[in-house]
């Protein structure tokens, strides 16, 4: 094992540790939680700029802290499928990563809790979900759904920053938005498993891919992707006529159509994957589709956010280009 080469870890308060921890956070995926939080707070009627920025930053960073936290519990499979990661190479320790991740998550939850104390409970629930994720990833029926509800809670926490209570009674537009988040992220997780089939099989992770194979998993992904699109359509058509979508909400509709095309392309490519090494394009498209579809809901709710969302998407593409391992998403 390569990790044996190292007999000491980077000091926590050092540039080397910060650099390796940032790699562990997967900066290119911070945009996944970022757009989830943005989408959630787009359902808030009145927002100040300062409040929007704080909710965004808490949402944006929470994914990275959560990813780093879960990595501490699955170094066995990561050492095979993701050997580039600092944890698997032994450059940083599990204790260091756990400590920094927990502190970071506490800070993020604190931001949400300042605007609504209910978020403290939801944040604790999400933290428990992250800590127990590896157990459910080993079960074919758990992984994508278990991960998706945690991200769904993030969406709700962002929304609750501008609402005193959480009620689903008659709030169908919010329910449709939450459904898009849940199924879109579940699809991203499932497609992501295509890159780890051999590593998961070797380390006894009985994911859907390991148990049922690529063909049935591709069909399941198609279903997830279709539900995501339908949920997004439901948000668009809840209180808008089709004429209004193209005349008054053109920007949101265009983003939605682009996201839909990307999702269909992703769903086509999953059927062509024959080995772990052939999965990166489909996985990349699943992330793009998720971000674009949630961005379309965001612009639908807040048309004035179109420019910030374009800038957001451009930066996402830049981080994807400069990620350390091109075959990893």
Protein backbone atom coordinates (compact mmCIF):
# COMPACT_ATOMS: atom_id res chain seq x y z
CA UNK A 1 0.00 0.00 0.00
CA UNK A 2 1.23 3.46 -0.92
CA UNK A 3 0.13 4.85 2.45
CA UNK A 4 2.94 2.91 4.15
CA UNK A 5 5.44 5.30 2.56
CA UNK A 6 4.34 8.09 4.87
CA UNK A 7 5.26 7.87 8.55
CA UNK A 8 4.00 11.30 9.50
CA UNK A 9 1.05 13.47 8.49
CA UNK A 10 0.98 17.09 7.45
CA UNK A 11 0.50 19.48 10.34
CA UNK A 12 -3.13 20.60 10.50
CA UNK A 13 -2.22 24.29 10.41
CA UNK A 14 -0.06 24.11 7.32
CA UNK A 15 -0.39 24.92 3.64
CA UNK A 16 0.19 21.27 2.72
CA UNK A 17 -2.73 20.10 4.87
CA UNK A 18 -5.06 22.81 3.55
CA UNK A 19 -4.18 21.84 -0.01
CA UNK A 20 -4.79 18.14 0.62
CA UNK A 21 -7.99 18.81 2.55
CA UNK A 22 -9.31 20.89 -0.35
CA UNK A 23 -8.64 17.97 -2.69
CA UNK A 24 -10.56 15.75 -0.26
CA UNK A 25 -13.50 18.20 -0.34
CA UNK A 26 -13.77 17.83 -4.14
CA UNK A 27 -14.17 21.54 -5.03
CA UNK A 28 -15.82 20.70 -8.35
CA UNK A 29 -18.71 19.09 -6.42
CA UNK A 30 -19.26 21.99 -4.03
CA UNK A 31 -21.44 23.38 -6.79
CA UNK A 32 -23.85 20.48 -6.25
CA UNK A 33 -24.70 21.55 -2.71
CA UNK A 34 -24.35 25.18 -3.76
CA UNK A 35 -27.09 24.95 -6.37
CA UNK A 36 -29.23 22.90 -3.97
CA UNK A 37 -29.09 25.68 -1.38
CA UNK A 38 -29.65 28.36 -4.01
CA UNK A 39 -32.68 26.49 -5.33
CA UNK A 40 -34.08 26.13 -1.82
CA UNK A 41 -33.74 29.80 -0.95
CA UNK A 42 -35.20 30.83 -4.33
CA UNK A 43 -38.57 29.82 -2.87
CA UNK A 44 -38.16 32.54 -0.19
CA UNK A 45 -40.12 35.68 -1.05
CA UNK A 46 -37.99 38.34 0.65
CA UNK A 47 -34.20 37.99 0.69
CA UNK A 48 -31.46 40.49 1.51
CA UNK A 49 -28.14 40.24 -0.31
CA UNK A 50 -26.22 39.49 2.89
CA UNK A 51 -28.63 36.74 3.84
CA UNK A 52 -28.43 35.21 0.37
CA UNK A 53 -24.64 35.19 0.46
CA UNK A 54 -24.47 33.52 3.88
CA UNK A 55 -27.00 30.83 2.96
CA UNK A 56 -25.13 30.20 -0.29
CA UNK A 57 -21.74 29.88 1.42
CA UNK A 58 -23.11 27.52 4.07
CA UNK A 59 -24.73 25.39 1.36
CA UNK A 60 -21.72 25.51 -0.94
CA UNK A 61 -19.18 24.41 1.68
CA UNK A 62 -21.37 21.83 3.42
CA UNK A 63 -20.97 19.29 0.62
CA UNK A 64 -17.19 19.43 0.82
CA UNK A 65 -17.14 18.99 4.58
CA UNK A 66 -19.63 16.15 4.24
CA UNK A 67 -17.62 14.43 1.50
CA UNK A 68 -14.46 14.64 3.57
CA UNK A 69 -16.32 13.23 6.57
CA UNK A 70 -17.69 10.21 4.69
CA UNK A 71 -14.28 9.55 3.11
CA UNK A 72 -12.97 8.70 6.58
CA UNK A 73 -15.25 5.65 6.65
CA UNK A 74 -14.58 4.23 3.19
CA UNK A 75 -10.84 4.34 2.64
CA UNK A 76 -10.95 0.63 1.82
CA UNK A 77 -12.75 1.10 -1.48
CA UNK A 78 -11.22 4.54 -2.15
CA UNK A 79 -7.71 3.06 -1.97
CA UNK A 80 -8.66 0.98 -5.03
CA UNK A 81 -10.91 3.30 -7.04
CA UNK A 82 -9.49 6.70 -5.96
CA UNK A 83 -5.83 6.22 -5.03
CA UNK A 84 -5.04 9.89 -5.71
CA UNK A 85 -6.89 11.07 -2.62
CA UNK A 86 -4.67 12.30 0.25
CA UNK A 87 -6.44 10.12 2.83
CA UNK A 88 -5.72 6.92 0.94
CA UNK A 89 -2.11 8.00 0.44
CA UNK A 90 -1.64 8.68 4.14
CA UNK A 91 -0.69 12.34 3.74
CA UNK A 92 -3.46 13.43 6.13
CA UNK A 93 -5.02 11.41 8.93
CA UNK A 94 -8.61 10.39 9.56
CA UNK A 95 -8.59 12.22 12.90
CA UNK A 96 -7.49 15.45 11.23
CA UNK A 97 -10.13 15.18 8.52
CA UNK A 98 -12.87 14.22 10.98
CA UNK A 99 -12.07 17.17 13.24
CA UNK A 100 -11.94 19.77 10.48
CA UNK A 101 -15.03 18.34 8.78
CA UNK A 102 -17.11 18.35 11.97
CA UNK A 103 -16.04 21.91 12.81
CA UNK A 104 -16.87 23.01 9.27
CA UNK A 105 -20.29 21.34 9.31
CA UNK A 106 -21.09 22.87 12.71
CA UNK A 107 -20.30 26.33 11.32
CA UNK A 108 -22.50 25.73 8.27
CA UNK A 109 -25.38 24.46 10.40
CA UNK A 110 -24.97 27.47 12.69
CA UNK A 111 -25.59 29.82 9.77
CA UNK A 112 -28.83 28.01 8.92
CA UNK A 113 -29.86 27.88 12.60
CA UNK A 114 -29.40 31.64 13.04
CA UNK A 115 -32.18 32.22 10.53
CA UNK A 116 -34.39 29.40 11.84
CA UNK A 117 -33.73 27.35 15.02
CA UNK A 118 -35.50 24.36 13.43
CA UNK A 119 -32.48 24.05 11.16
CA UNK A 120 -30.38 23.05 14.15
CA UNK A 121 -32.39 19.84 14.44
CA UNK A 122 -32.30 19.25 10.70
CA UNK A 123 -28.55 19.89 10.69
CA UNK A 124 -27.98 17.33 13.43
CA UNK A 125 -30.13 14.87 11.47
CA UNK A 126 -28.03 15.48 8.36
CA UNK A 127 -24.81 15.02 10.34
CA UNK A 128 -26.09 11.68 11.60
CA UNK A 129 -26.93 10.74 8.02
CA UNK A 130 -23.41 11.54 6.84
CA UNK A 131 -21.83 9.59 9.69
CA UNK A 132 -23.92 6.49 8.90
CA UNK A 133 -23.87 6.75 5.09
CA UNK A 134 -21.22 4.07 4.57
CA UNK A 135 -23.42 1.44 6.25
CA UNK A 136 -26.24 2.13 3.81
CA UNK A 137 -23.93 2.37 0.81
CA UNK A 138 -23.08 -1.30 1.39
CA UNK A 139 -26.79 -2.16 0.85
CA UNK A 140 -28.09 -2.04 -2.73
CA UNK A 141 -31.43 -0.62 -1.58
CA UNK A 142 -29.91 2.19 0.46
CA UNK A 143 -27.08 4.12 -1.17
CA UNK A 144 -28.68 6.56 -3.67
CA UNK A 145 -31.82 7.13 -1.58
CA UNK A 146 -29.93 7.56 1.68
CA UNK A 147 -27.61 10.11 0.15
CA UNK A 148 -30.48 11.89 -1.59
CA UNK A 149 -32.51 12.54 1.56
CA UNK A 150 -29.50 14.24 3.16
CA UNK A 151 -29.22 16.61 0.19
CA UNK A 152 -33.00 17.07 0.29
CA UNK A 153 -32.68 18.24 3.90
CA UNK A 154 -30.13 20.84 2.77
CA UNK A 155 -32.70 22.15 0.27
CA UNK A 156 -35.28 22.43 3.07
CA UNK A 157 -32.82 24.10 5.45
CA UNK A 158 -32.10 26.80 2.88
CA UNK A 159 -35.83 27.31 2.36
CA UNK A 160 -36.50 27.45 6.10
CA UNK A 161 -34.08 30.36 6.45
CA UNK A 162 -36.96 32.47 5.18
CA UNK A 163 -39.91 30.61 6.62
CA UNK A 164 -41.01 30.20 10.23
CA UNK A 165 -42.45 26.72 9.76
CA UNK A 166 -42.19 23.88 7.29
CA UNK A 167 -45.56 22.89 5.90
CA UNK A 168 -46.23 20.81 2.82
CA UNK A 169 -50.00 21.34 2.94
CA UNK A 170 -50.89 23.03 -0.33
CA UNK A 171 -47.24 23.91 -0.94
CA UNK A 172 -47.02 21.74 -4.03
CA UNK A 173 -44.45 23.86 -5.85
CA UNK A 174 -41.99 23.32 -2.99
CA UNK A 175 -42.79 19.59 -2.96
CA UNK A 176 -42.07 19.34 -6.68
CA UNK A 177 -38.79 21.22 -6.17
CA UNK A 178 -37.81 18.86 -3.35
CA UNK A 179 -38.67 15.90 -5.58
CA UNK A 180 -36.38 17.23 -8.31
CA UNK A 181 -33.56 17.52 -5.77
CA UNK A 182 -34.16 14.04 -4.35
CA UNK A 183 -34.41 12.11 -7.62
CA UNK A 184 -31.78 14.20 -9.40
CA UNK A 185 -29.24 13.57 -6.68
CA UNK A 186 -30.20 9.89 -6.35
CA UNK A 187 -29.51 9.58 -10.07
CA UNK A 188 -26.10 11.26 -9.69
CA UNK A 189 -25.18 8.83 -6.90
CA UNK A 190 -26.35 5.79 -8.87
CA UNK A 191 -24.49 6.83 -12.02
CA UNK A 192 -21.45 7.55 -9.84
CA UNK A 193 -21.41 3.92 -8.72
CA UNK A 194 -20.59 2.90 -12.31
CA UNK A 195 -16.97 3.96 -11.75
CA UNK A 196 -16.52 1.85 -8.60
CA UNK A 197 -18.01 -1.54 -9.50
CA UNK A 198 -14.79 -3.54 -9.20
CA UNK A 199 -13.59 -1.72 -6.07
CA UNK A 200 -17.01 -2.06 -4.42
CA UNK A 201 -17.21 -5.75 -5.26
CA UNK A 202 -13.71 -6.37 -3.86
CA UNK A 203 -14.48 -4.57 -0.59
CA UNK A 204 -17.99 -6.05 -0.09
CA UNK A 205 -19.98 -2.93 -0.96
CA UNK A 206 -23.14 -4.49 -2.34
CA UNK A 207 -24.27 -1.49 -4.34
CA UNK A 208 -27.05 -1.72 -6.91
CA UNK A 209 -24.39 -2.08 -9.61
CA UNK A 210 -22.66 -4.96 -7.83
CA UNK A 211 -25.89 -6.85 -7.14
CA UNK A 212 -27.85 -6.28 -10.36
CA UNK A 213 -25.21 -5.35 -12.94
CA UNK A 214 -24.89 -2.47 -15.35
CA UNK A 215 -27.94 -3.17 -17.55
CA UNK A 216 -30.57 -3.04 -14.80
CA UNK A 217 -28.72 -0.17 -13.13
CA UNK A 218 -28.89 1.77 -16.40
CA UNK A 219 -32.64 1.24 -16.53
CA UNK A 220 -32.98 2.36 -12.89
CA UNK A 221 -30.94 5.46 -13.71
CA UNK A 222 -33.25 6.17 -16.67
CA UNK A 223 -36.23 6.06 -14.31
CA UNK A 224 -34.53 8.38 -11.82
CA UNK A 225 -33.61 10.82 -14.57
CA UNK A 226 -37.12 10.82 -16.02
CA UNK A 227 -38.70 11.48 -12.61
CA UNK A 228 -36.27 14.38 -12.10
CA UNK A 229 -37.36 15.95 -15.39
CA UNK A 230 -41.06 15.42 -14.62
CA UNK A 231 -40.66 16.94 -11.15
CA UNK A 232 -38.97 19.98 -12.69
CA UNK A 233 -41.75 20.30 -15.26
CA UNK A 234 -44.25 20.19 -12.40
CA UNK A 235 -42.52 23.18 -10.78
CA UNK A 236 -42.67 25.10 -14.06
CA UNK A 237 -46.32 24.34 -14.83
CA UNK A 238 -47.67 24.65 -11.28
CA UNK A 239 -48.89 28.22 -11.72
CA UNK A 240 -47.77 29.06 -15.24
CA UNK A 241 -49.31 28.44 -18.65
CA UNK A 242 -47.13 27.17 -21.48
CA UNK A 243 -47.53 30.51 -23.28
CA UNK A 244 -46.16 32.34 -20.25
CA UNK A 245 -43.17 30.00 -20.04
CA UNK A 246 -41.94 30.99 -23.48
CA UNK A 247 -43.03 34.64 -23.44
CA UNK A 248 -42.27 35.82 -19.89
CA UNK A 249 -40.03 33.08 -18.48
CA UNK A 250 -37.86 32.41 -21.51
CA UNK A 251 -34.51 32.30 -19.67
CA UNK A 252 -35.70 29.72 -17.14
CA UNK A 253 -37.30 27.66 -19.89
CA UNK A 254 -34.12 27.69 -22.00
CA UNK A 255 -32.02 26.54 -19.03
CA UNK A 256 -34.57 23.79 -18.35
CA UNK A 257 -34.47 22.60 -21.97
CA UNK A 258 -30.67 22.50 -21.95
CA UNK A 259 -30.71 20.57 -18.66
CA UNK A 260 -33.24 18.12 -20.10
CA UNK A 261 -31.11 17.47 -23.19
CA UNK A 262 -28.06 16.90 -20.99
CA UNK A 263 -30.03 14.51 -18.78
CA UNK A 264 -31.22 12.48 -21.79
CA UNK A 265 -27.66 12.32 -23.11
CA UNK A 266 -26.49 11.07 -19.71
CA UNK A 267 -29.22 8.42 -19.71
CA UNK A 268 -28.15 7.27 -23.15
CA UNK A 269 -24.48 7.02 -22.21
CA UNK A 270 -25.07 4.86 -19.10
CA UNK A 271 -26.20 2.06 -21.42
CA UNK A 272 -22.85 2.18 -23.23
CA UNK A 273 -20.70 1.71 -20.11
CA UNK A 274 -18.96 -1.67 -20.19
CA UNK A 275 -16.21 -1.05 -17.61
CA UNK A 276 -15.46 1.28 -14.71
CA UNK A 277 -13.07 3.34 -16.82
CA UNK A 278 -15.81 4.21 -19.33
CA UNK A 279 -18.13 5.88 -16.84
CA UNK A 280 -16.69 9.39 -16.42
CA UNK A 281 -18.62 11.05 -19.26
CA UNK A 282 -21.99 9.79 -18.03
CA UNK A 283 -21.19 10.79 -14.44
CA UNK A 284 -20.10 14.25 -15.54
CA UNK A 285 -23.32 14.73 -17.49
CA UNK A 286 -25.40 13.63 -14.49
CA UNK A 287 -23.82 16.45 -12.45
CA UNK A 288 -24.34 18.98 -15.23
CA UNK A 289 -27.98 17.92 -15.61
CA UNK A 290 -28.60 18.22 -11.87
CA UNK A 291 -27.09 21.70 -11.69
CA UNK A 292 -28.86 22.93 -14.84
CA UNK A 293 -32.30 21.64 -13.84
CA UNK A 294 -32.08 23.14 -10.35
CA UNK A 295 -30.72 26.34 -11.88
CA UNK A 296 -33.78 26.47 -14.13
CA UNK A 297 -36.07 26.25 -11.08
CA UNK A 298 -34.01 28.97 -9.41
CA UNK A 299 -34.33 31.33 -12.38
CA UNK A 300 -38.03 30.48 -12.62
CA UNK A 301 -38.48 31.68 -9.03
CA UNK A 302 -36.00 34.57 -9.22
CA UNK A 303 -35.61 35.75 -12.82
CA UNK A 304 -33.15 38.44 -11.70
CA UNK A 305 -30.69 35.71 -10.68
CA UNK A 306 -30.02 34.64 -14.27
CA UNK A 307 -26.62 36.38 -14.50
CA UNK A 308 -25.33 35.05 -11.12
CA UNK A 309 -26.45 31.54 -12.16
CA UNK A 310 -24.57 31.82 -15.45
CA UNK A 311 -21.43 32.90 -13.57
CA UNK A 312 -22.00 30.03 -11.12
CA UNK A 313 -22.18 27.52 -13.97
CA UNK A 314 -19.07 28.91 -15.66
CA UNK A 315 -17.06 28.51 -12.44
CA UNK A 316 -18.40 24.97 -12.07
CA UNK A 317 -17.06 24.10 -15.51
CA UNK A 318 -13.68 25.62 -14.68
CA UNK A 319 -13.32 23.54 -11.52
CA UNK A 320 -14.28 20.43 -13.49
CA UNK A 321 -11.51 21.14 -15.98
CA UNK A 322 -8.88 21.50 -13.25
CA UNK A 323 -9.91 18.54 -11.06
CA UNK A 324 -6.90 16.40 -10.06
CA UNK A 325 -8.09 13.12 -11.63
CA UNK A 326 -9.92 13.47 -14.92
CA UNK A 327 -11.56 10.05 -14.56
CA UNK A 328 -12.99 10.96 -11.14
CA UNK A 329 -16.19 12.88 -10.47
